[in-house]
Amino acid sequence: MLTFNFFMEVLQMRTGCERCLVFAAGVVLGASAYAMIKSGKAKKAAVKVLAKGIEIQDKVAEMAEKTKESVSDTVAEARCAADGESC
């Protein structure tokens, strides 16, 4: 049966190599991100993504406002019904 200690030993054997690979991957990713930003393509893509995000935010805010109005109407009708008045 495999135990926790066995897994810890395996991780300790591979840790040195994995750390090097993670560091190298970070360097490559950072260098590629820097190159994309310098080229201007990333800025254009970021602007498009942000514009779409703002559009979605506006739609969600509009839906939330409509929902709030609907709930307010329902609460007002429930108060009228509780008071025995006709609304």
PDB file of N, CA and C in Angstrom:
ATOM      1  N   MET A   1       0.846  -1.180   0.000  1.00  0.00           N
ATOM      2  CA  MET A   1       0.000   0.000   0.000  1.00  0.00           C
ATOM      3  C   MET A   1       0.890   1.240   0.000  1.00  0.00           C
ATOM      4  N   LEU A   2       0.519   2.208  -0.821  1.00  0.00           N
ATOM      5  CA  LEU A   2       1.285   3.441  -0.909  1.00  0.00           C
ATOM      6  C   LEU A   2       0.947   4.347   0.261  1.00  0.00           C
ATOM      7  N   THR A   3       1.952   4.949   0.798  1.00  0.00           N
ATOM      8  CA  THR A   3       1.741   5.804   1.957  1.00  0.00           C
ATOM      9  C   THR A   3       2.101   7.238   1.620  1.00  0.00           C
ATOM     10  N   PHE A   4       1.746   8.127   2.518  1.00  0.00           N
ATOM     11  CA  PHE A   4       2.047   9.544   2.361  1.00  0.00           C
ATOM     12  C   PHE A   4       3.559   9.770   2.293  1.00  0.00           C
ATOM     13  N   ASN A   5       4.317   9.024   3.104  1.00  0.00           N
ATOM     14  CA  ASN A   5       5.775   9.171   3.111  1.00  0.00           C
ATOM     15  C   ASN A   5       6.380   8.813   1.761  1.00  0.00           C
ATOM     16  N   PHE A   6       5.816   7.798   1.109  1.00  0.00           N
ATOM     17  CA  PHE A   6       6.306   7.408  -0.213  1.00  0.00           C
ATOM     18  C   PHE A   6       6.148   8.565  -1.198  1.00  0.00           C
ATOM     19  N   PHE A   7       4.969   9.199  -1.183  1.00  0.00           N
ATOM     20  CA  PHE A   7       4.738  10.316  -2.082  1.00  0.00           C
ATOM     21  C   PHE A   7       5.662  11.486  -1.769  1.00  0.00           C
ATOM     22  N   MET A   8       5.912  11.721  -0.497  1.00  0.00           N
ATOM     23  CA  MET A   8       6.811  12.809  -0.109  1.00  0.00           C
ATOM     24  C   MET A   8       8.235  12.535  -0.599  1.00  0.00           C
ATOM     25  N   GLU A   9       8.679  11.276  -0.507  1.00  0.00           N
ATOM     26  CA  GLU A   9      10.007  10.922  -0.994  1.00  0.00           C
ATOM     27  C   GLU A   9      10.110  11.124  -2.500  1.00  0.00           C
ATOM     28  N   VAL A  10       9.085  10.737  -3.226  1.00  0.00           N
ATOM     29  CA  VAL A  10       9.089  10.922  -4.677  1.00  0.00           C
ATOM     30  C   VAL A  10       9.135  12.406  -5.015  1.00  0.00           C
ATOM     31  N   LEU A  11       8.350  13.213  -4.325  1.00  0.00           N
ATOM     32  CA  LEU A  11       8.352  14.646  -4.581  1.00  0.00           C
ATOM     33  C   LEU A  11       9.704  15.269  -4.263  1.00  0.00           C
ATOM     34  N   GLN A  12      10.348  14.821  -3.208  1.00  0.00           N
ATOM     35  CA  GLN A  12      11.649  15.363  -2.843  1.00  0.00           C
ATOM     36  C   GLN A  12      12.696  15.004  -3.884  1.00  0.00           C
ATOM     37  N   MET A  13      12.604  13.842  -4.492  1.00  0.00           N
ATOM     38  CA  MET A  13      13.557  13.450  -5.528  1.00  0.00           C
ATOM     39  C   MET A  13      13.403  14.316  -6.770  1.00  0.00           C
ATOM     40  N   ARG A  14      12.179  14.700  -7.092  1.00  0.00           N
ATOM     41  CA  ARG A  14      11.902  15.429  -8.322  1.00  0.00           C
ATOM     42  C   ARG A  14      11.880  16.930  -8.112  1.00  0.00           C
ATOM     43  N   THR A  15      11.927  17.416  -6.896  1.00  0.00           N
ATOM     44  CA  THR A  15      11.754  18.828  -6.610  1.00  0.00           C
ATOM     45  C   THR A  15      12.821  19.684  -7.270  1.00  0.00           C
ATOM     46  N   GLY A  16      14.072  19.293  -7.214  1.00  0.00           N
ATOM     47  CA  GLY A  16      15.150  20.081  -7.789  1.00  0.00           C
ATOM     48  C   GLY A  16      14.936  20.315  -9.272  1.00  0.00           C
ATOM     49  N   CYS A  17      14.622  19.299  -9.999  1.00  0.00           N
ATOM     50  CA  CYS A  17      14.418  19.393 -11.442  1.00  0.00           C
ATOM     51  C   CYS A  17      13.150  20.188 -11.766  1.00  0.00           C
ATOM     52  N   GLU A  18      12.088  19.950 -11.030  1.00  0.00           N
ATOM     53  CA  GLU A  18      10.832  20.650 -11.289  1.00  0.00           C
ATOM     54  C   GLU A  18      10.966  22.143 -11.042  1.00  0.00           C
ATOM     55  N   ARG A  19      11.696  22.516 -10.025  1.00  0.00           N
ATOM     56  CA  ARG A  19      11.881  23.935  -9.742  1.00  0.00           C
ATOM     57  C   ARG A  19      12.618  24.617 -10.881  1.00  0.00           C
ATOM     58  N   CYS A  20      13.598  23.949 -11.437  1.00  0.00           N
ATOM     59  CA  CYS A  20      14.329  24.510 -12.578  1.00  0.00           C
ATOM     60  C   CYS A  20      13.401  24.684 -13.775  1.00  0.00           C
ATOM     61  N   LEU A  21      12.573  23.682 -14.023  1.00  0.00           N
ATOM     62  CA  LEU A  21      11.649  23.756 -15.153  1.00  0.00           C
ATOM     63  C   LEU A  21      10.615  24.859 -14.953  1.00  0.00           C
ATOM     64  N   VAL A  22      10.095  25.005 -13.740  1.00  0.00           N
ATOM     65  CA  VAL A  22       9.123  26.056 -13.459  1.00  0.00           C
ATOM     66  C   VAL A  22       9.765  27.422 -13.628  1.00  0.00           C
ATOM     67  N   PHE A  23      10.994  27.573 -13.151  1.00  0.00           N
ATOM     68  CA  PHE A  23      11.705  28.839 -13.307  1.00  0.00           C
ATOM     69  C   PHE A  23      11.916  29.156 -14.783  1.00  0.00           C
ATOM     70  N   ALA A  24      12.360  28.169 -15.556  1.00  0.00           N
ATOM     71  CA  ALA A  24      12.594  28.370 -16.982  1.00  0.00           C
ATOM     72  C   ALA A  24      11.287  28.725 -17.696  1.00  0.00           C
ATOM     73  N   ALA A  25      10.202  28.048 -17.345  1.00  0.00           N
ATOM     74  CA  ALA A  25       8.914  28.353 -17.963  1.00  0.00           C
ATOM     75  C   ALA A  25       8.486  29.778 -17.630  1.00  0.00           C
ATOM     76  N   GLY A  26       8.745  30.224 -16.405  1.00  0.00           N
ATOM     77  CA  GLY A  26       8.424  31.592 -16.014  1.00  0.00           C
ATOM     78  C   GLY A  26       9.225  32.615 -16.794  1.00  0.00           C
ATOM     79  N   VAL A  27      10.498  32.318 -17.013  1.00  0.00           N
ATOM     80  CA  VAL A  27      11.348  33.231 -17.786  1.00  0.00           C
ATOM     81  C   VAL A  27      10.846  33.325 -19.218  1.00  0.00           C
ATOM     82  N   VAL A  28      10.537  32.181 -19.817  1.00  0.00           N
ATOM     83  CA  VAL A  28      10.046  32.174 -21.201  1.00  0.00           C
ATOM     84  C   VAL A  28       8.718  32.902 -21.302  1.00  0.00           C
ATOM     85  N   LEU A  29       7.812  32.650 -20.372  1.00  0.00           N
ATOM     86  CA  LEU A  29       6.513  33.310 -20.383  1.00  0.00           C
ATOM     87  C   LEU A  29       6.655  34.815 -20.195  1.00  0.00           C
ATOM     88  N   GLY A  30       7.513  35.218 -19.290  1.00  0.00           N
ATOM     89  CA  GLY A  30       7.739  36.648 -19.068  1.00  0.00           C
ATOM     90  C   GLY A  30       8.343  37.329 -20.284  1.00  0.00           C
ATOM     91  N   ALA A  31       9.305  36.676 -20.919  1.00  0.00           N
ATOM     92  CA  ALA A  31       9.938  37.248 -22.109  1.00  0.00           C
ATOM     93  C   ALA A  31       8.943  37.363 -23.258  1.00  0.00           C
ATOM     94  N   SER A  32       8.103  36.355 -23.422  1.00  0.00           N
ATOM     95  CA  SER A  32       7.119  36.416 -24.507  1.00  0.00           C
ATOM     96  C   SER A  32       6.066  37.481 -24.227  1.00  0.00           C
ATOM     97  N   ALA A  33       5.667  37.631 -22.975  1.00  0.00           N
ATOM     98  CA  ALA A  33       4.698  38.682 -22.630  1.00  0.00           C
ATOM     99  C   ALA A  33       5.297  40.056 -22.884  1.00  0.00           C
ATOM    100  N   TYR A  34       6.557  40.240 -22.530  1.00  0.00           N
ATOM    101  CA  TYR A  34       7.242  41.519 -22.766  1.00  0.00           C
ATOM    102  C   TYR A  34       7.311  41.820 -24.262  1.00  0.00           C
ATOM    103  N   ALA A  35       7.627  40.807 -25.058  1.00  0.00           N
ATOM    104  CA  ALA A  35       7.716  40.992 -26.507  1.00  0.00           C
ATOM    105  C   ALA A  35       6.360  41.352 -27.099  1.00  0.00           C
ATOM    106  N   MET A  36       5.298  40.724 -26.602  1.00  0.00           N
ATOM    107  CA  MET A  36       3.959  41.029 -27.117  1.00  0.00           C
ATOM    108  C   MET A  36       3.548  42.454 -26.774  1.00  0.00           C
ATOM    109  N   ILE A  37       3.876  42.886 -25.577  1.00  0.00           N
ATOM    110  CA  ILE A  37       3.515  44.244 -25.168  1.00  0.00           C
ATOM    111  C   ILE A  37       4.275  45.268 -25.998  1.00  0.00           C
ATOM    112  N   LYS A  38       5.535  44.986 -26.271  1.00  0.00           N
ATOM    113  CA  LYS A  38       6.344  45.901 -27.061  1.00  0.00           C
ATOM    114  C   LYS A  38       5.840  45.988 -28.501  1.00  0.00           C
ATOM    115  N   SER A  39       5.277  44.914 -29.022  1.00  0.00           N
ATOM    116  CA  SER A  39       4.843  44.905 -30.418  1.00  0.00           C
ATOM    117  C   SER A  39       3.549  45.681 -30.626  1.00  0.00           C
ATOM    118  N   GLY A  40       2.780  45.927 -29.605  1.00  0.00           N
ATOM    119  CA  GLY A  40       1.532  46.659 -29.737  1.00  0.00           C
ATOM    120  C   GLY A  40       0.323  45.774 -29.957  1.00  0.00           C
ATOM    121  N   LYS A  41       0.532  44.535 -30.344  1.00  0.00           N
ATOM    122  CA  LYS A  41      -0.588  43.613 -30.564  1.00  0.00           C
ATOM    123  C   LYS A  41      -1.318  43.332 -29.268  1.00  0.00           C
ATOM    124  N   ALA A  42      -0.576  43.218 -28.206  1.00  0.00           N
ATOM    125  CA  ALA A  42      -1.200  42.927 -26.913  1.00  0.00           C
ATOM    126  C   ALA A  42      -2.072  44.086 -26.458  1.00  0.00           C
ATOM    127  N   LYS A  43      -1.629  45.294 -26.735  1.00  0.00           N
ATOM    128  CA  LYS A  43      -2.417  46.468 -26.331  1.00  0.00           C
ATOM    129  C   LYS A  43      -3.744  46.497 -27.079  1.00  0.00           C
ATOM    130  N   LYS A  44      -3.712  46.212 -28.371  1.00  0.00           N
ATOM    131  CA  LYS A  44      -4.951  46.180 -29.147  1.00  0.00           C
ATOM    132  C   LYS A  44      -5.885  45.088 -28.637  1.00  0.00           C
ATOM    133  N   ALA A  45      -5.318  43.933 -28.332  1.00  0.00           N
ATOM    134  CA  ALA A  45      -6.136  42.832 -27.811  1.00  0.00           C
ATOM    135  C   ALA A  45      -6.709  43.190 -26.443  1.00  0.00           C
ATOM    136  N   ALA A  46      -5.901  43.836 -25.602  1.00  0.00           N
ATOM    137  CA  ALA A  46      -6.371  44.230 -24.269  1.00  0.00           C
ATOM    138  C   ALA A  46      -7.500  45.237 -24.373  1.00  0.00           C
ATOM    139  N   VAL A  47      -7.402  46.173 -25.311  1.00  0.00           N
ATOM    140  CA  VAL A  47      -8.458  47.168 -25.503  1.00  0.00           C
ATOM    141  C   VAL A  47      -9.754  46.483 -25.928  1.00  0.00           C
ATOM    142  N   LYS A  48      -9.660  45.522 -26.831  1.00  0.00           N
ATOM    143  CA  LYS A  48     -10.856  44.794 -27.275  1.00  0.00           C
ATOM    144  C   LYS A  48     -11.487  44.011 -26.131  1.00  0.00           C
ATOM    145  N   VAL A  49     -10.648  43.356 -25.341  1.00  0.00           N
ATOM    146  CA  VAL A  49     -11.159  42.575 -24.213  1.00  0.00           C
ATOM    147  C   VAL A  49     -11.824  43.487 -23.191  1.00  0.00           C
ATOM    148  N   LEU A  50     -11.189  44.612 -22.888  1.00  0.00           N
ATOM    149  CA  LEU A  50     -11.771  45.548 -21.928  1.00  0.00           C
ATOM    150  C   LEU A  50     -13.074  46.145 -22.446  1.00  0.00           C
ATOM    151  N   ALA A  51     -13.134  46.467 -23.736  1.00  0.00           N
ATOM    152  CA  ALA A  51     -14.367  47.004 -24.313  1.00  0.00           C
ATOM    153  C   ALA A  51     -15.503  45.996 -24.191  1.00  0.00           C
ATOM    154  N   LYS A  52     -15.210  44.741 -24.471  1.00  0.00           N
ATOM    155  CA  LYS A  52     -16.231  43.699 -24.348  1.00  0.00           C
ATOM    156  C   LYS A  52     -16.643  43.543 -22.884  1.00  0.00           C
ATOM    157  N   GLY A  53     -15.686  43.629 -21.972  1.00  0.00           N
ATOM    158  CA  GLY A  53     -15.996  43.534 -20.551  1.00  0.00           C
ATOM    159  C   GLY A  53     -16.898  44.663 -20.084  1.00  0.00           C
ATOM    160  N   ILE A  54     -16.633  45.870 -20.567  1.00  0.00           N
ATOM    161  CA  ILE A  54     -17.478  47.018 -20.209  1.00  0.00           C
ATOM    162  C   ILE A  54     -18.883  46.832 -20.769  1.00  0.00           C
ATOM    163  N   GLU A  55     -18.973  46.311 -21.982  1.00  0.00           N
ATOM    164  CA  GLU A  55     -20.282  46.054 -22.590  1.00  0.00           C
ATOM    165  C   GLU A  55     -21.073  45.043 -21.769  1.00  0.00           C
ATOM    166  N   ILE A  56     -20.409  43.992 -21.341  1.00  0.00           N
ATOM    167  CA  ILE A  56     -21.065  42.972 -20.522  1.00  0.00           C
ATOM    168  C   ILE A  56     -21.476  43.558 -19.178  1.00  0.00           C
ATOM    169  N   GLN A  57     -20.615  44.391 -18.596  1.00  0.00           N
ATOM    170  CA  GLN A  57     -20.925  45.023 -17.308  1.00  0.00           C
ATOM    171  C   GLN A  57     -22.177  45.890 -17.428  1.00  0.00           C
ATOM    172  N   ASP A  58     -22.289  46.644 -18.513  1.00  0.00           N
ATOM    173  CA  ASP A  58     -23.468  47.482 -18.712  1.00  0.00           C
ATOM    174  C   ASP A  58     -24.732  46.649 -18.845  1.00  0.00           C
ATOM    175  N   LYS A  59     -24.653  45.546 -19.581  1.00  0.00           N
ATOM    176  CA  LYS A  59     -25.819  44.676 -19.737  1.00  0.00           C
ATOM    177  C   LYS A  59     -26.237  44.064 -18.406  1.00  0.00           C
ATOM    178  N   VAL A  60     -25.268  43.640 -17.614  1.00  0.00           N
ATOM    179  CA  VAL A  60     -25.572  43.042 -16.315  1.00  0.00           C
ATOM    180  C   VAL A  60     -26.189  44.091 -15.388  1.00  0.00           C
ATOM    181  N   ALA A  61     -25.658  45.313 -15.421  1.00  0.00           N
ATOM    182  CA  ALA A  61     -26.214  46.378 -14.582  1.00  0.00           C
ATOM    183  C   ALA A  61     -27.652  46.681 -14.984  1.00  0.00           C
ATOM    184  N   GLU A  62     -27.929  46.678 -16.279  1.00  0.00           N
ATOM    185  CA  GLU A  62     -29.296  46.922 -16.766  1.00  0.00           C
ATOM    186  C   GLU A  62     -30.232  45.809 -16.310  1.00  0.00           C
ATOM    187  N   MET A  63     -29.774  44.559 -16.401  1.00  0.00           N
ATOM    188  CA  MET A  63     -30.600  43.432 -15.957  1.00  0.00           C
ATOM    189  C   MET A  63     -30.841  43.506 -14.457  1.00  0.00           C
ATOM    190  N   ALA A  64     -29.830  43.904 -13.700  1.00  0.00           N
ATOM    191  CA  ALA A  64     -29.980  44.022 -12.249  1.00  0.00           C
ATOM    192  C   ALA A  64     -30.989  45.105 -11.899  1.00  0.00           C
ATOM    193  N   GLU A  65     -30.973  46.214 -12.614  1.00  0.00           N
ATOM    194  CA  GLU A  65     -31.921  47.302 -12.363  1.00  0.00           C
ATOM    195  C   GLU A  65     -33.350  46.853 -12.649  1.00  0.00           C
ATOM    196  N   LYS A  66     -33.534  46.119 -13.759  1.00  0.00           N
ATOM    197  CA  LYS A  66     -34.873  45.610 -14.088  1.00  0.00           C
ATOM    198  C   LYS A  66     -35.356  44.631 -13.017  1.00  0.00           C
ATOM    199  N   THR A  67     -34.463  43.780 -12.554  1.00  0.00           N
ATOM    200  CA  THR A  67     -34.817  42.816 -11.512  1.00  0.00           C
ATOM    201  C   THR A  67     -35.182  43.535 -10.225  1.00  0.00           C
ATOM    202  N   LYS A  68     -34.424  44.566  -9.895  1.00  0.00           N
ATOM    203  CA  LYS A  68     -34.697  45.340  -8.681  1.00  0.00           C
ATOM    204  C   LYS A  68     -36.079  45.989  -8.746  1.00  0.00           C
ATOM    205  N   GLU A  69     -36.417  46.550  -9.910  1.00  0.00           N
ATOM    206  CA  GLU A  69     -37.741  47.163 -10.083  1.00  0.00           C
ATOM    207  C   GLU A  69     -38.838  46.124  -9.941  1.00  0.00           C
ATOM    208  N   SER A  70     -38.627  44.950 -10.528  1.00  0.00           N
ATOM    209  CA  SER A  70     -39.627  43.890 -10.461  1.00  0.00           C
ATOM    210  C   SER A  70     -39.832  43.424  -9.017  1.00  0.00           C
ATOM    211  N   VAL A  71     -38.755  43.280  -8.289  1.00  0.00           N
ATOM    212  CA  VAL A  71     -38.860  42.851  -6.894  1.00  0.00           C
ATOM    213  C   VAL A  71     -39.549  43.928  -6.070  1.00  0.00           C
ATOM    214  N   SER A  72     -39.248  45.192  -6.329  1.00  0.00           N
ATOM    215  CA  SER A  72     -39.896  46.290  -5.602  1.00  0.00           C
ATOM    216  C   SER A  72     -41.399  46.291  -5.848  1.00  0.00           C
ATOM    217  N   ASP A  73     -41.805  46.051  -7.096  1.00  0.00           N
ATOM    218  CA  ASP A  73     -43.233  45.981  -7.418  1.00  0.00           C
ATOM    219  C   ASP A  73     -43.900  44.821  -6.676  1.00  0.00           C
ATOM    220  N   THR A  74     -43.238  43.686  -6.659  1.00  0.00           N
ATOM    221  CA  THR A  74     -43.793  42.516  -5.987  1.00  0.00           C
ATOM    222  C   THR A  74     -43.929  42.762  -4.488  1.00  0.00           C
ATOM    223  N   VAL A  75     -42.930  43.401  -3.884  1.00  0.00           N
ATOM    224  CA  VAL A  75     -42.985  43.701  -2.454  1.00  0.00           C
ATOM    225  C   VAL A  75     -44.119  44.676  -2.164  1.00  0.00           C
ATOM    226  N   ALA A  76     -44.291  45.682  -3.035  1.00  0.00           N
ATOM    227  CA  ALA A  76     -45.380  46.647  -2.831  1.00  0.00           C
ATOM    228  C   ALA A  76     -46.734  45.958  -2.917  1.00  0.00           C
ATOM    229  N   GLU A  77     -46.907  45.059  -3.874  1.00  0.00           N
ATOM    230  CA  GLU A  77     -48.161  44.329  -3.997  1.00  0.00           C
ATOM    231  C   GLU A  77     -48.389  43.440  -2.771  1.00  0.00           C
ATOM    232  N   ALA A  78     -47.326  42.830  -2.266  1.00  0.00           N
ATOM    233  CA  ALA A  78     -47.474  41.969  -1.086  1.00  0.00           C
ATOM    234  C   ALA A  78     -47.860  42.796   0.140  1.00  0.00           C
ATOM    235  N   ARG A  79     -47.327  44.004   0.252  1.00  0.00           N
ATOM    236  CA  ARG A  79     -47.704  44.871   1.385  1.00  0.00           C
ATOM    237  C   ARG A  79     -49.160  45.275   1.285  1.00  0.00           C
ATOM    238  N   CYS A  80     -49.628  45.577   0.076  1.00  0.00           N
ATOM    239  CA  CYS A  80     -51.033  45.921  -0.102  1.00  0.00           C
ATOM    240  C   CYS A  80     -51.916  44.746   0.269  1.00  0.00           C
ATOM    241  N   ALA A  81     -51.531  43.568  -0.154  1.00  0.00           N
ATOM    242  CA  ALA A  81     -52.321  42.362   0.135  1.00  0.00           C
ATOM    243  C   ALA A  81     -52.315  42.096   1.653  1.00  0.00           C
ATOM    244  N   ALA A  82     -51.197  42.333   2.296  1.00  0.00           N
ATOM    245  CA  ALA A  82     -51.118  42.100   3.742  1.00  0.00           C
ATOM    246  C   ALA A  82     -51.969  43.092   4.519  1.00  0.00           C
ATOM    247  N   ASP A  83     -52.098  44.310   4.004  1.00  0.00           N
ATOM    248  CA  ASP A  83     -52.900  45.330   4.664  1.00  0.00           C
ATOM    249  C   ASP A  83     -54.382  45.181   4.346  1.00  0.00           C
ATOM    250  N   GLY A  84     -54.707  44.333   3.386  1.00  0.00           N
ATOM    251  CA  GLY A  84     -56.089  44.112   3.021  1.00  0.00           C
ATOM    252  C   GLY A  84     -56.629  45.153   2.047  1.00  0.00           C
ATOM    253  N   GLU A  85     -55.756  45.893   1.452  1.00  0.00           N
ATOM    254  CA  GLU A  85     -56.171  46.919   0.482  1.00  0.00           C
ATOM    255  C   GLU A  85     -56.118  46.328  -0.919  1.00  0.00           C
ATOM    256  N   SER A  86     -56.879  46.926  -1.823  1.00  0.00           N
ATOM    257  CA  SER A  86     -56.783  46.509  -3.214  1.00  0.00           C
ATOM    258  C   SER A  86     -55.792  47.428  -3.909  1.00  0.00           C
ATOM    259  N   CYS A  87     -54.905  46.860  -4.669  1.00  0.00           N
ATOM    260  CA  CYS A  87     -53.853  47.651  -5.315  1.00  0.00           C
ATOM    261  C   CYS A  87     -54.115  47.827  -6.781  1.00  0.00           C
TER     262      CYS A  87
END
